[in-house]
Amino acid sequence: MRHGKKVNHLSRKTAHRSAMLANMACSLIEHKRINTTVAKAKALKQFIEPLITKSKAENNQSLEKGTHNRRVVFKNLRDKYAVSELFSTVAEKVGDRPGGYTRIIKLGNRLGDNADMAMIELVDFNEVYNAGKAKKKKSTRRSRGSKKSQPAAEVTETAQDAEVVEANAPEAKKEEKAEPKAEAKTEKPKAEASEKAEKKDADETKSDDSKA
């Protein structure tokens, strides 16, 4: 039974366990992926991910915070070369990721003692897996209010413009209807005058023929 067992002791004393996890973390930072047992990989994941969070640039904006975080990480890793690699290359690569910096992939059982084996790796350094994926842009909730207010103002402006156009539409239609009527009235007298002139010419020609 495992009642109240929150930490896997890995069959080791505290000093041995902390030294082993520190060495495994340094190897993971250096090589970006290592093979180990599933139990050790899960323990290493819990050990190294808080350290990666402390190394990110957004958590080291001031000199005091940066120095403090470097000292905390060095206390756990005990290797200055691994600390410098973590705060430079790894921190730059995982800067946009909000967590979940490592991935555990099971590899099957070991031949000697049939132990469950796994590979633990840093997610952002697997170029084959992340080849076709585009990076997501960071979004914050603070800017949503201003973005919503702008479209609302635009909608009200467009609604007002539509009302003005609808109000002016009947007047424009009346003017269009009035113009053809006026043209029709002016065309009718012209047609009547031309008919009268043709009749007069026809009567004159008949009178001339009768005289002749």
Protein backbone atom coordinates (compact mmCIF):
# COMPACT_ATOMS: atom_id res chain seq x y z
CA MET A 1 0.00 0.00 0.00
CA ARG A 2 1.12 3.55 -0.71
CA HIS A 3 -0.96 5.59 1.73
CA GLY A 4 0.42 9.13 2.02
CA LYS A 5 3.38 8.38 -0.26
CA LYS A 6 3.71 11.61 -2.25
CA VAL A 7 7.40 11.21 -3.18
CA ASN A 8 8.94 8.20 -4.87
CA HIS A 9 12.11 7.49 -2.90
CA LEU A 10 13.51 5.34 -5.75
CA SER A 11 15.00 2.91 -3.18
CA ARG A 12 17.60 5.50 -2.15
CA LYS A 13 18.40 7.76 0.78
CA THR A 14 17.72 11.48 0.52
CA ALA A 15 21.31 12.51 -0.25
CA HIS A 16 21.75 9.79 -2.87
CA ARG A 17 18.40 10.60 -4.49
CA SER A 18 19.06 14.37 -4.72
CA ALA A 19 22.55 13.80 -6.15
CA MET A 20 21.18 11.37 -8.75
CA LEU A 21 18.40 13.78 -9.84
CA ALA A 22 20.90 16.65 -10.08
CA ASN A 23 23.20 14.58 -12.31
CA MET A 24 20.30 13.46 -14.50
CA ALA A 25 19.07 17.06 -14.82
CA CYS A 26 22.53 18.25 -15.89
CA SER A 27 22.69 15.47 -18.49
CA LEU A 28 19.22 16.39 -19.80
CA ILE A 29 20.20 20.06 -20.11
CA GLU A 30 23.41 19.17 -21.91
CA HIS A 31 22.12 16.46 -24.29
CA LYS A 32 18.44 17.57 -24.45
CA ARG A 33 17.24 13.92 -24.09
CA ILE A 34 18.27 10.90 -22.02
CA ASN A 35 17.11 7.28 -21.55
CA THR A 36 16.22 6.04 -18.08
CA THR A 37 13.52 4.10 -16.25
CA VAL A 38 9.95 5.39 -16.18
CA ALA A 39 10.02 5.97 -12.41
CA LYS A 40 13.23 8.03 -12.60
CA ALA A 41 11.91 9.97 -15.61
CA LYS A 42 8.75 10.97 -13.70
CA ALA A 43 10.82 12.04 -10.69
CA LEU A 44 13.16 14.01 -12.95
CA LYS A 45 10.22 15.77 -14.62
CA GLN A 46 9.01 17.06 -11.24
CA PHE A 47 12.56 18.07 -10.33
CA ILE A 48 13.63 19.99 -13.46
CA GLU A 49 10.50 21.79 -14.65
CA PRO A 50 10.40 24.33 -11.77
CA LEU A 51 14.07 25.07 -12.48
CA ILE A 52 13.33 25.73 -16.17
CA THR A 53 10.55 28.12 -15.13
CA LYS A 54 13.02 30.06 -12.97
CA SER A 55 15.41 30.37 -15.93
CA LYS A 56 12.90 32.06 -18.28
CA ALA A 57 13.60 35.68 -19.22
CA GLU A 58 10.20 36.94 -18.01
CA ASN A 59 11.13 35.83 -14.46
CA ASN A 60 14.59 37.49 -14.56
CA GLN A 61 13.78 41.04 -15.70
CA SER A 62 15.68 42.69 -12.83
CA LEU A 63 19.24 41.99 -11.70
CA GLU A 64 18.14 40.98 -8.20
CA LYS A 65 15.61 38.42 -9.44
CA GLY A 66 18.07 37.02 -11.97
CA THR A 67 20.81 36.59 -9.38
CA HIS A 68 18.43 34.99 -6.89
CA ASN A 69 17.05 32.52 -9.45
CA ARG A 70 20.55 31.55 -10.58
CA ARG A 71 21.55 30.82 -6.99
CA VAL A 72 18.44 28.70 -6.40
CA VAL A 73 19.06 26.69 -9.59
CA PHE A 74 22.76 26.25 -8.77
CA LYS A 75 21.82 24.97 -5.33
CA ASN A 76 19.84 22.15 -7.00
CA LEU A 77 22.05 21.38 -10.01
CA ARG A 78 25.53 21.98 -8.48
CA ASP A 79 27.05 22.54 -11.93
CA LYS A 80 27.84 26.05 -13.18
CA TYR A 81 28.10 24.94 -16.83
CA ALA A 82 24.61 23.40 -16.70
CA VAL A 83 23.28 26.60 -15.08
CA SER A 84 24.76 28.82 -17.80
CA GLU A 85 23.35 26.50 -20.52
CA LEU A 86 19.94 26.52 -18.84
CA PHE A 87 19.75 30.32 -18.54
CA SER A 88 20.95 30.95 -22.11
CA THR A 89 20.06 28.31 -24.73
CA VAL A 90 17.23 26.48 -22.98
CA ALA A 91 15.57 29.61 -21.58
CA GLU A 92 15.58 31.27 -25.01
CA LYS A 93 14.04 28.21 -26.64
CA VAL A 94 11.23 27.67 -24.11
CA GLY A 95 10.43 31.36 -23.63
CA ASP A 96 6.94 31.16 -25.21
CA ARG A 97 5.88 27.91 -23.53
CA PRO A 98 3.75 28.33 -20.36
CA GLY A 99 4.74 24.93 -18.92
CA GLY A 100 5.22 21.27 -19.84
CA TYR A 101 8.83 21.64 -20.96
CA THR A 102 9.60 17.91 -20.98
CA ARG A 103 8.08 14.85 -22.65
CA ILE A 104 8.30 11.19 -21.53
CA ILE A 105 8.16 8.49 -24.23
CA LYS A 106 8.04 4.85 -23.13
CA LEU A 107 10.50 2.51 -24.86
CA GLY A 108 9.51 -0.92 -23.55
CA ASN A 109 11.16 -3.22 -21.02
CA ARG A 110 14.87 -3.67 -20.29
CA LEU A 111 16.33 -7.09 -21.10
CA GLY A 112 18.21 -7.65 -17.86
CA ASP A 113 15.62 -6.94 -15.14
CA ASN A 114 12.52 -6.23 -17.29
CA ALA A 115 12.30 -2.65 -15.98
CA ASP A 116 10.06 -0.12 -17.81
CA MET A 117 12.33 2.15 -19.87
CA ALA A 118 11.55 5.61 -21.17
CA MET A 119 13.13 8.57 -22.93
CA ILE A 120 12.70 12.03 -21.40
CA GLU A 121 13.42 15.02 -23.63
CA LEU A 122 12.97 18.78 -23.82
CA VAL A 123 9.92 19.40 -26.00
CA ASP A 124 11.20 22.45 -27.88
CA PHE A 125 14.44 20.78 -28.99
CA ASN A 126 12.69 17.99 -30.93
CA GLU A 127 12.87 19.49 -34.44
CA VAL A 128 11.31 16.44 -36.14
CA TYR A 129 8.13 16.50 -34.02
CA ASN A 130 7.69 20.31 -34.20
CA ALA A 131 8.55 20.68 -37.92
CA GLY A 132 5.01 21.23 -39.24
CA LYS A 133 3.61 23.15 -36.28
CA ALA A 134 3.39 26.94 -36.22
CA LYS A 135 4.12 28.86 -33.03
CA LYS A 136 1.11 30.25 -31.22
CA LYS A 137 1.08 33.88 -30.28
CA LYS A 138 0.76 34.75 -26.65
CA SER A 139 -2.60 36.24 -25.72
CA THR A 140 -3.60 38.09 -22.58
CA ARG A 141 -7.03 38.73 -21.15
CA ARG A 142 -6.30 42.35 -20.30
CA SER A 143 -6.44 43.53 -23.91
CA ARG A 144 -9.81 41.93 -24.70
CA GLY A 145 -11.86 44.79 -23.25
CA SER A 146 -10.35 47.43 -25.50
CA LYS A 147 -10.68 45.16 -28.55
CA LYS A 148 -14.38 44.60 -27.85
CA SER A 149 -15.11 48.31 -27.41
CA GLN A 150 -13.72 49.24 -30.83
CA PRO A 151 -15.95 46.90 -32.89
CA ALA A 152 -18.97 48.06 -30.87
CA ALA A 153 -18.28 51.67 -31.82
CA GLU A 154 -17.82 50.65 -35.45
CA VAL A 155 -21.14 48.79 -35.42
CA THR A 156 -22.99 51.84 -34.07
CA GLU A 157 -21.43 54.07 -36.73
CA THR A 158 -22.42 51.69 -39.53
CA ALA A 159 -25.96 51.46 -38.12
CA GLN A 160 -26.27 55.26 -38.11
CA ASP A 161 -25.00 55.45 -41.69
CA ALA A 162 -27.54 52.81 -42.76
CA GLU A 163 -30.39 54.80 -41.13
CA VAL A 164 -29.34 57.98 -42.95
CA VAL A 165 -29.24 56.14 -46.28
CA GLU A 166 -32.69 54.62 -45.68
CA ALA A 167 -34.11 58.03 -44.77
CA ASN A 168 -32.77 59.60 -47.97
CA ALA A 169 -33.82 56.68 -50.18
CA PRO A 170 -37.55 57.65 -50.61
CA GLU A 171 -36.63 61.22 -51.66
CA ALA A 172 -34.22 59.92 -54.27
CA LYS A 173 -36.90 57.56 -55.61
CA LYS A 174 -39.44 60.42 -55.85
CA GLU A 175 -36.99 62.54 -57.82
CA GLU A 176 -36.28 59.65 -60.20
CA LYS A 177 -40.01 59.10 -60.75
CA ALA A 178 -40.71 62.80 -61.30
CA GLU A 179 -38.07 63.20 -64.01
CA PRO A 180 -39.53 60.64 -66.50
CA LYS A 181 -43.00 62.25 -66.17
CA ALA A 182 -41.60 65.65 -67.03
CA GLU A 183 -39.84 64.22 -70.03
CA ALA A 184 -43.04 62.51 -71.16
CA LYS A 185 -44.98 65.79 -70.92
CA THR A 186 -42.43 67.63 -73.05
CA GLU A 187 -42.34 64.85 -75.64
CA LYS A 188 -46.16 64.82 -76.20
CA PRO A 189 -46.48 68.44 -77.50
CA LYS A 190 -43.55 67.88 -79.83
CA ALA A 191 -45.20 64.79 -81.29
CA GLU A 192 -48.54 66.62 -81.77
CA ALA A 193 -46.85 69.57 -83.51
CA SER A 194 -45.03 67.28 -85.91
CA GLU A 195 -48.30 65.47 -86.80
CA LYS A 196 -50.11 68.80 -87.51
CA ALA A 197 -47.24 69.93 -89.73
CA GLU A 198 -47.42 66.68 -91.73
CA LYS A 199 -51.21 67.09 -92.19
CA LYS A 200 -50.77 70.66 -93.45
CA ASP A 201 -48.17 69.54 -95.99
CA ALA A 202 -50.46 66.75 -97.17
CA ASP A 203 -53.42 69.19 -97.60
CA GLU A 204 -51.27 71.65 -99.53
CA THR A 205 -50.06 68.99 -101.92
CA LYS A 206 -53.69 67.85 -102.55
CA SER A 207 -54.81 71.43 -103.27
CA ASP A 208 -51.97 71.94 -105.71
CA ASP A 209 -52.86 68.74 -107.55
CA SER A 210 -56.54 69.73 -107.84
CA LYS A 211 -55.64 73.15 -109.27
CA ALA A 212 -53.38 71.60 -111.81
